[in-house]
Amino acid sequence: MSQNNGTVQGEYFVIKAKENGVHVIGLTRGHDTRFHHTEKLDKGEVMLAQFTEHTSAVKIRGKAIIYTRHGTIDTEQ
């Protein structure tokens, strides 16, 4: 993560649901990793997300395509 003008800027990624009911779960930073946010996507829905000072990991449950600057990940492969 980089800092600009005192704000923390994390990497962005995109999740596109390939089926109804894809769960996107944000996990916290710190000593105790916990779930802090969940979203449920239906087929064709797209979510743009960002790692932040509070979010260190994201768990995706279901069939989806994840687009990052490092490449594309298909949960079915």
PDB file of N, CA and C in Angstrom:
ATOM      1  N   MET A   1       0.839  -1.176   0.000  1.00  0.00           N
ATOM      2  CA  MET A   1       0.000   0.000   0.000  1.00  0.00           C
ATOM      3  C   MET A   1       0.883   1.238   0.000  1.00  0.00           C
ATOM      4  N   SER A   2       0.409   2.264  -0.646  1.00  0.00           N
ATOM      5  CA  SER A   2       1.137   3.519  -0.669  1.00  0.00           C
ATOM      6  C   SER A   2       0.337   4.583   0.067  1.00  0.00           C
ATOM      7  N   GLN A   3       1.021   5.657   0.419  1.00  0.00           N
ATOM      8  CA  GLN A   3       0.345   6.744   1.118  1.00  0.00           C
ATOM      9  C   GLN A   3       0.456   8.006   0.291  1.00  0.00           C
ATOM     10  N   ASN A   4      -0.653   8.690   0.106  1.00  0.00           N
ATOM     11  CA  ASN A   4      -0.698   9.978  -0.564  1.00  0.00           C
ATOM     12  C   ASN A   4      -1.473  10.933   0.315  1.00  0.00           C
ATOM     13  N   ASN A   5      -0.845  12.044   0.684  1.00  0.00           N
ATOM     14  CA  ASN A   5      -1.511  13.068   1.492  1.00  0.00           C
ATOM     15  C   ASN A   5      -2.127  12.495   2.771  1.00  0.00           C
ATOM     16  N   GLY A   6      -1.466  11.519   3.396  1.00  0.00           N
ATOM     17  CA  GLY A   6      -1.945  10.980   4.661  1.00  0.00           C
ATOM     18  C   GLY A   6      -3.004   9.897   4.542  1.00  0.00           C
ATOM     19  N   THR A   7      -3.446   9.564   3.319  1.00  0.00           N
ATOM     20  CA  THR A   7      -4.441   8.510   3.155  1.00  0.00           C
ATOM     21  C   THR A   7      -3.756   7.252   2.636  1.00  0.00           C
ATOM     22  N   VAL A   8      -4.253   6.113   3.046  1.00  0.00           N
ATOM     23  CA  VAL A   8      -3.703   4.842   2.609  1.00  0.00           C
ATOM     24  C   VAL A   8      -4.435   4.403   1.347  1.00  0.00           C
ATOM     25  N   GLN A   9      -3.671   4.050   0.313  1.00  0.00           N
ATOM     26  CA  GLN A   9      -4.267   3.597  -0.935  1.00  0.00           C
ATOM     27  C   GLN A   9      -3.800   2.174  -1.206  1.00  0.00           C
ATOM     28  N   GLY A  10      -4.744   1.244  -1.280  1.00  0.00           N
ATOM     29  CA  GLY A  10      -4.421  -0.144  -1.544  1.00  0.00           C
ATOM     30  C   GLY A  10      -4.757  -0.520  -2.966  1.00  0.00           C
ATOM     31  N   GLU A  11      -4.393  -1.715  -3.296  1.00  0.00           N
ATOM     32  CA  GLU A  11      -4.601  -2.226  -4.640  1.00  0.00           C
ATOM     33  C   GLU A  11      -6.075  -2.541  -4.887  1.00  0.00           C
ATOM     34  N   TYR A  12      -6.526  -2.236  -6.098  1.00  0.00           N
ATOM     35  CA  TYR A  12      -7.901  -2.529  -6.502  1.00  0.00           C
ATOM     36  C   TYR A  12      -7.974  -3.888  -7.190  1.00  0.00           C
ATOM     37  N   PHE A  13      -9.154  -4.510  -7.121  1.00  0.00           N
ATOM     38  CA  PHE A  13      -9.410  -5.737  -7.863  1.00  0.00           C
ATOM     39  C   PHE A  13     -10.904  -5.790  -8.173  1.00  0.00           C
ATOM     40  N   VAL A  14     -11.258  -6.576  -9.173  1.00  0.00           N
ATOM     41  CA  VAL A  14     -12.645  -6.674  -9.622  1.00  0.00           C
ATOM     42  C   VAL A  14     -13.093  -8.119  -9.513  1.00  0.00           C
ATOM     43  N   ILE A  15     -14.320  -8.315  -9.027  1.00  0.00           N
ATOM     44  CA  ILE A  15     -14.909  -9.655  -8.910  1.00  0.00           C
ATOM     45  C   ILE A  15     -16.172  -9.670  -9.767  1.00  0.00           C
ATOM     46  N   LYS A  16     -16.262 -10.635 -10.679  1.00  0.00           N
ATOM     47  CA  LYS A  16     -17.459 -10.791 -11.500  1.00  0.00           C
ATOM     48  C   LYS A  16     -18.070 -12.161 -11.205  1.00  0.00           C
ATOM     49  N   ALA A  17     -19.308 -12.160 -10.752  1.00  0.00           N
ATOM     50  CA  ALA A  17     -19.999 -13.408 -10.392  1.00  0.00           C
ATOM     51  C   ALA A  17     -20.411 -14.172 -11.647  1.00  0.00           C
ATOM     52  N   LYS A  18     -20.155 -15.479 -11.645  1.00  0.00           N
ATOM     53  CA  LYS A  18     -20.553 -16.358 -12.745  1.00  0.00           C
ATOM     54  C   LYS A  18     -21.813 -17.144 -12.413  1.00  0.00           C
ATOM     55  N   GLU A  19     -22.294 -16.985 -11.177  1.00  0.00           N
ATOM     56  CA  GLU A  19     -23.512 -17.665 -10.732  1.00  0.00           C
ATOM     57  C   GLU A  19     -24.155 -16.806  -9.649  1.00  0.00           C
ATOM     58  N   ASN A  20     -25.394 -17.091  -9.338  1.00  0.00           N
ATOM     59  CA  ASN A  20     -26.075 -16.404  -8.242  1.00  0.00           C
ATOM     60  C   ASN A  20     -25.501 -16.854  -6.903  1.00  0.00           C
ATOM     61  N   GLY A  21     -25.425 -15.933  -5.968  1.00  0.00           N
ATOM     62  CA  GLY A  21     -25.032 -16.295  -4.613  1.00  0.00           C
ATOM     63  C   GLY A  21     -23.547 -16.356  -4.346  1.00  0.00           C
ATOM     64  N   VAL A  22     -22.715 -15.642  -5.106  1.00  0.00           N
ATOM     65  CA  VAL A  22     -21.273 -15.607  -4.838  1.00  0.00           C
ATOM     66  C   VAL A  22     -21.043 -14.718  -3.616  1.00  0.00           C
ATOM     67  N   HIS A  23     -20.341 -15.239  -2.625  1.00  0.00           N
ATOM     68  CA  HIS A  23     -20.066 -14.499  -1.395  1.00  0.00           C
ATOM     69  C   HIS A  23     -18.668 -13.890  -1.457  1.00  0.00           C
ATOM     70  N   VAL A  24     -18.584 -12.604  -1.119  1.00  0.00           N
ATOM     71  CA  VAL A  24     -17.314 -11.891  -1.022  1.00  0.00           C
ATOM     72  C   VAL A  24     -17.186 -11.459   0.430  1.00  0.00           C
ATOM     73  N   ILE A  25     -16.121 -11.904   1.084  1.00  0.00           N
ATOM     74  CA  ILE A  25     -15.960 -11.685   2.520  1.00  0.00           C
ATOM     75  C   ILE A  25     -14.644 -10.952   2.773  1.00  0.00           C
ATOM     76  N   GLY A  26     -14.712  -9.771   3.393  1.00  0.00           N
ATOM     77  CA  GLY A  26     -13.521  -9.004   3.744  1.00  0.00           C
ATOM     78  C   GLY A  26     -13.014  -9.412   5.112  1.00  0.00           C
ATOM     79  N   LEU A  27     -11.703  -9.559   5.235  1.00  0.00           N
ATOM     80  CA  LEU A  27     -11.066  -9.944   6.494  1.00  0.00           C
ATOM     81  C   LEU A  27     -10.182  -8.810   6.999  1.00  0.00           C
ATOM     82  N   THR A  28     -10.162  -8.626   8.311  1.00  0.00           N
ATOM     83  CA  THR A  28      -9.455  -7.507   8.923  1.00  0.00           C
ATOM     84  C   THR A  28      -7.954  -7.725   9.028  1.00  0.00           C
ATOM     85  N   ARG A  29      -7.257  -6.639   9.259  1.00  0.00           N
ATOM     86  CA  ARG A  29      -5.827  -6.669   9.576  1.00  0.00           C
ATOM     87  C   ARG A  29      -5.671  -6.761  11.091  1.00  0.00           C
ATOM     88  N   GLY A  30      -4.461  -6.988  11.538  1.00  0.00           N
ATOM     89  CA  GLY A  30      -4.189  -6.931  12.971  1.00  0.00           C
ATOM     90  C   GLY A  30      -3.923  -8.290  13.579  1.00  0.00           C
ATOM     91  N   HIS A  31      -3.876  -8.307  14.894  1.00  0.00           N
ATOM     92  CA  HIS A  31      -3.555  -9.530  15.631  1.00  0.00           C
ATOM     93  C   HIS A  31      -4.625 -10.596  15.473  1.00  0.00           C
ATOM     94  N   ASP A  32      -5.881 -10.190  15.481  1.00  0.00           N
ATOM     95  CA  ASP A  32      -6.998 -11.125  15.344  1.00  0.00           C
ATOM     96  C   ASP A  32      -7.683 -10.887  14.004  1.00  0.00           C
ATOM     97  N   THR A  33      -7.504 -11.818  13.068  1.00  0.00           N
ATOM     98  CA  THR A  33      -8.169 -11.697  11.775  1.00  0.00           C
ATOM     99  C   THR A  33      -9.630 -12.083  11.938  1.00  0.00           C
ATOM    100  N   ARG A  34     -10.521 -11.180  11.500  1.00  0.00           N
ATOM    101  CA  ARG A  34     -11.965 -11.416  11.627  1.00  0.00           C
ATOM    102  C   ARG A  34     -12.666 -10.989  10.343  1.00  0.00           C
ATOM    103  N   PHE A  35     -13.869 -11.522  10.142  1.00  0.00           N
ATOM    104  CA  PHE A  35     -14.709 -11.058   9.050  1.00  0.00           C
ATOM    105  C   PHE A  35     -15.213  -9.665   9.415  1.00  0.00           C
ATOM    106  N   HIS A  36     -15.129  -8.722   8.484  1.00  0.00           N
ATOM    107  CA  HIS A  36     -15.674  -7.406   8.801  1.00  0.00           C
ATOM    108  C   HIS A  36     -16.705  -6.930   7.786  1.00  0.00           C
ATOM    109  N   HIS A  37     -16.805  -7.600   6.658  1.00  0.00           N
ATOM    110  CA  HIS A  37     -17.790  -7.176   5.665  1.00  0.00           C
ATOM    111  C   HIS A  37     -18.105  -8.342   4.733  1.00  0.00           C
ATOM    112  N   THR A  38     -19.366  -8.501   4.378  1.00  0.00           N
ATOM    113  CA  THR A  38     -19.736  -9.525   3.399  1.00  0.00           C
ATOM    114  C   THR A  38     -20.674  -8.917   2.366  1.00  0.00           C
ATOM    115  N   GLU A  39     -20.569  -9.433   1.168  1.00  0.00           N
ATOM    116  CA  GLU A  39     -21.461  -9.061   0.066  1.00  0.00           C
ATOM    117  C   GLU A  39     -21.886 -10.344  -0.628  1.00  0.00           C
ATOM    118  N   LYS A  40     -23.052 -10.314  -1.223  1.00  0.00           N
ATOM    119  CA  LYS A  40     -23.537 -11.447  -1.994  1.00  0.00           C
ATOM    120  C   LYS A  40     -23.827 -10.934  -3.402  1.00  0.00           C
ATOM    121  N   LEU A  41     -23.177 -11.541  -4.394  1.00  0.00           N
ATOM    122  CA  LEU A  41     -23.339 -11.131  -5.786  1.00  0.00           C
ATOM    123  C   LEU A  41     -24.163 -12.153  -6.550  1.00  0.00           C
ATOM    124  N   ASP A  42     -24.972 -11.668  -7.464  1.00  0.00           N
ATOM    125  CA  ASP A  42     -25.714 -12.545  -8.360  1.00  0.00           C
ATOM    126  C   ASP A  42     -25.026 -12.589  -9.717  1.00  0.00           C
ATOM    127  N   LYS A  43     -25.378 -13.565 -10.527  1.00  0.00           N
ATOM    128  CA  LYS A  43     -24.740 -13.791 -11.821  1.00  0.00           C
ATOM    129  C   LYS A  43     -24.689 -12.499 -12.631  1.00  0.00           C
ATOM    130  N   GLY A  44     -23.487 -12.184 -13.117  1.00  0.00           N
ATOM    131  CA  GLY A  44     -23.285 -10.996 -13.925  1.00  0.00           C
ATOM    132  C   GLY A  44     -22.948  -9.745 -13.142  1.00  0.00           C
ATOM    133  N   GLU A  45     -23.173  -9.765 -11.827  1.00  0.00           N
ATOM    134  CA  GLU A  45     -22.841  -8.585 -11.026  1.00  0.00           C
ATOM    135  C   GLU A  45     -21.332  -8.463 -10.867  1.00  0.00           C
ATOM    136  N   VAL A  46     -20.883  -7.221 -10.798  1.00  0.00           N
ATOM    137  CA  VAL A  46     -19.462  -6.918 -10.685  1.00  0.00           C
ATOM    138  C   VAL A  46     -19.247  -6.064  -9.446  1.00  0.00           C
ATOM    139  N   MET A  47     -18.191  -6.372  -8.720  1.00  0.00           N
ATOM    140  CA  MET A  47     -17.841  -5.583  -7.541  1.00  0.00           C
ATOM    141  C   MET A  47     -16.399  -5.119  -7.696  1.00  0.00           C
ATOM    142  N   LEU A  48     -16.181  -3.829  -7.528  1.00  0.00           N
ATOM    143  CA  LEU A  48     -14.844  -3.258  -7.517  1.00  0.00           C
ATOM    144  C   LEU A  48     -14.456  -3.083  -6.060  1.00  0.00           C
ATOM    145  N   ALA A  49     -13.332  -3.652  -5.664  1.00  0.00           N
ATOM    146  CA  ALA A  49     -12.930  -3.630  -4.255  1.00  0.00           C
ATOM    147  C   ALA A  49     -11.487  -3.145  -4.135  1.00  0.00           C
ATOM    148  N   GLN A  50     -11.101  -2.806  -2.900  1.00  0.00           N
ATOM    149  CA  GLN A  50      -9.765  -2.297  -2.645  1.00  0.00           C
ATOM    150  C   GLN A  50      -9.273  -2.804  -1.297  1.00  0.00           C
ATOM    151  N   PHE A  51      -7.991  -3.175  -1.239  1.00  0.00           N
ATOM    152  CA  PHE A  51      -7.377  -3.473   0.043  1.00  0.00           C
ATOM    153  C   PHE A  51      -7.143  -2.136   0.743  1.00  0.00           C
ATOM    154  N   THR A  52      -7.424  -2.081   2.026  1.00  0.00           N
ATOM    155  CA  THR A  52      -7.326  -0.833   2.789  1.00  0.00           C
ATOM    156  C   THR A  52      -6.537  -1.068   4.064  1.00  0.00           C
ATOM    157  N   GLU A  53      -6.485  -0.024   4.888  1.00  0.00           N
ATOM    158  CA  GLU A  53      -5.817  -0.173   6.177  1.00  0.00           C
ATOM    159  C   GLU A  53      -6.573  -1.124   7.084  1.00  0.00           C
ATOM    160  N   HIS A  54      -7.856  -1.401   6.790  1.00  0.00           N
ATOM    161  CA  HIS A  54      -8.663  -2.321   7.591  1.00  0.00           C
ATOM    162  C   HIS A  54      -8.822  -3.691   6.948  1.00  0.00           C
ATOM    163  N   THR A  55      -8.681  -3.778   5.634  1.00  0.00           N
ATOM    164  CA  THR A  55      -8.894  -5.039   4.915  1.00  0.00           C
ATOM    165  C   THR A  55      -7.563  -5.598   4.427  1.00  0.00           C
ATOM    166  N   SER A  56      -7.215  -6.794   4.908  1.00  0.00           N
ATOM    167  CA  SER A  56      -5.951  -7.411   4.506  1.00  0.00           C
ATOM    168  C   SER A  56      -6.151  -8.589   3.571  1.00  0.00           C
ATOM    169  N   ALA A  57      -7.362  -9.144   3.538  1.00  0.00           N
ATOM    170  CA  ALA A  57      -7.626 -10.314   2.706  1.00  0.00           C
ATOM    171  C   ALA A  57      -9.097 -10.351   2.324  1.00  0.00           C
ATOM    172  N   VAL A  58      -9.379 -11.048   1.237  1.00  0.00           N
ATOM    173  CA  VAL A  58     -10.756 -11.221   0.788  1.00  0.00           C
ATOM    174  C   VAL A  58     -10.948 -12.688   0.435  1.00  0.00           C
ATOM    175  N   LYS A  59     -12.036 -13.257   0.925  1.00  0.00           N
ATOM    176  CA  LYS A  59     -12.388 -14.642   0.626  1.00  0.00           C
ATOM    177  C   LYS A  59     -13.579 -14.613  -0.323  1.00  0.00           C
ATOM    178  N   ILE A  60     -13.498 -15.404  -1.399  1.00  0.00           N
ATOM    179  CA  ILE A  60     -14.578 -15.454  -2.378  1.00  0.00           C
ATOM    180  C   ILE A  60     -15.075 -16.889  -2.448  1.00  0.00           C
ATOM    181  N   ARG A  61     -16.371 -17.052  -2.225  1.00  0.00           N
ATOM    182  CA  ARG A  61     -16.992 -18.376  -2.229  1.00  0.00           C
ATOM    183  C   ARG A  61     -18.011 -18.420  -3.358  1.00  0.00           C
ATOM    184  N   GLY A  62     -17.782 -19.320  -4.317  1.00  0.00           N
ATOM    185  CA  GLY A  62     -18.669 -19.451  -5.463  1.00  0.00           C
ATOM    186  C   GLY A  62     -17.904 -19.290  -6.766  1.00  0.00           C
ATOM    187  N   LYS A  63     -18.624 -19.387  -7.863  1.00  0.00           N
ATOM    188  CA  LYS A  63     -18.013 -19.289  -9.184  1.00  0.00           C
ATOM    189  C   LYS A  63     -17.910 -17.823  -9.587  1.00  0.00           C
ATOM    190  N   ALA A  64     -16.660 -17.376  -9.764  1.00  0.00           N
ATOM    191  CA  ALA A  64     -16.422 -15.975 -10.087  1.00  0.00           C
ATOM    192  C   ALA A  64     -15.113 -15.836 -10.849  1.00  0.00           C
ATOM    193  N   ILE A  65     -14.957 -14.687 -11.472  1.00  0.00           N
ATOM    194  CA  ILE A  65     -13.693 -14.310 -12.103  1.00  0.00           C
ATOM    195  C   ILE A  65     -13.172 -13.104 -11.337  1.00  0.00           C
ATOM    196  N   ILE A  66     -11.898 -13.152 -10.957  1.00  0.00           N
ATOM    197  CA  ILE A  66     -11.272 -12.066 -10.223  1.00  0.00           C
ATOM    198  C   ILE A  66     -10.199 -11.470 -11.128  1.00  0.00           C
ATOM    199  N   TYR A  67     -10.299 -10.156 -11.329  1.00  0.00           N
ATOM    200  CA  TYR A  67      -9.344  -9.439 -12.163  1.00  0.00           C
ATOM    201  C   TYR A  67      -8.452  -8.588 -11.269  1.00  0.00           C
ATOM    202  N   THR A  68      -7.130  -8.768 -11.390  1.00  0.00           N
ATOM    203  CA  THR A  68      -6.164  -7.964 -10.648  1.00  0.00           C
ATOM    204  C   THR A  68      -5.098  -7.473 -11.619  1.00  0.00           C
ATOM    205  N   ARG A  69      -4.246  -6.597 -11.159  1.00  0.00           N
ATOM    206  CA  ARG A  69      -3.156  -6.146 -12.024  1.00  0.00           C
ATOM    207  C   ARG A  69      -2.137  -7.259 -12.248  1.00  0.00           C
ATOM    208  N   HIS A  70      -2.231  -8.312 -11.446  1.00  0.00           N
ATOM    209  CA  HIS A  70      -1.324  -9.448 -11.584  1.00  0.00           C
ATOM    210  C   HIS A  70      -1.844 -10.510 -12.539  1.00  0.00           C
ATOM    211  N   GLY A  71      -3.114 -10.381 -12.945  1.00  0.00           N
ATOM    212  CA  GLY A  71      -3.714 -11.361 -13.844  1.00  0.00           C
ATOM    213  C   GLY A  71      -5.157 -11.635 -13.482  1.00  0.00           C
ATOM    214  N   THR A  72      -5.706 -12.636 -14.158  1.00  0.00           N
ATOM    215  CA  THR A  72      -7.095 -13.022 -13.966  1.00  0.00           C
ATOM    216  C   THR A  72      -7.148 -14.406 -13.317  1.00  0.00           C
ATOM    217  N   ILE A  73      -8.073 -14.556 -12.372  1.00  0.00           N
ATOM    218  CA  ILE A  73      -8.252 -15.832 -11.669  1.00  0.00           C
ATOM    219  C   ILE A  73      -9.685 -16.267 -11.855  1.00  0.00           C
ATOM    220  N   ASP A  74      -9.887 -17.504 -12.299  1.00  0.00           N
ATOM    221  CA  ASP A  74     -11.207 -18.085 -12.422  1.00  0.00           C
ATOM    222  C   ASP A  74     -11.328 -19.132 -11.332  1.00  0.00           C
ATOM    223  N   THR A  75     -12.310 -19.007 -10.467  1.00  0.00           N
ATOM    224  CA  THR A  75     -12.424 -19.919  -9.320  1.00  0.00           C
ATOM    225  C   THR A  75     -12.742 -21.345  -9.739  1.00  0.00           C
ATOM    226  N   GLU A  76     -13.135 -21.564 -10.989  1.00  0.00           N
ATOM    227  CA  GLU A  76     -13.441 -22.913 -11.455  1.00  0.00           C
ATOM    228  C   GLU A  76     -12.198 -23.653 -11.972  1.00  0.00           C
ATOM    229  N   GLN A  77     -11.094 -22.980 -12.091  1.00  0.00           N
ATOM    230  CA  GLN A  77      -9.893 -23.631 -12.652  1.00  0.00           C
ATOM    231  C   GLN A  77      -8.926 -23.998 -11.571  1.00  0.00           C
TER     232      GLN A  77
END
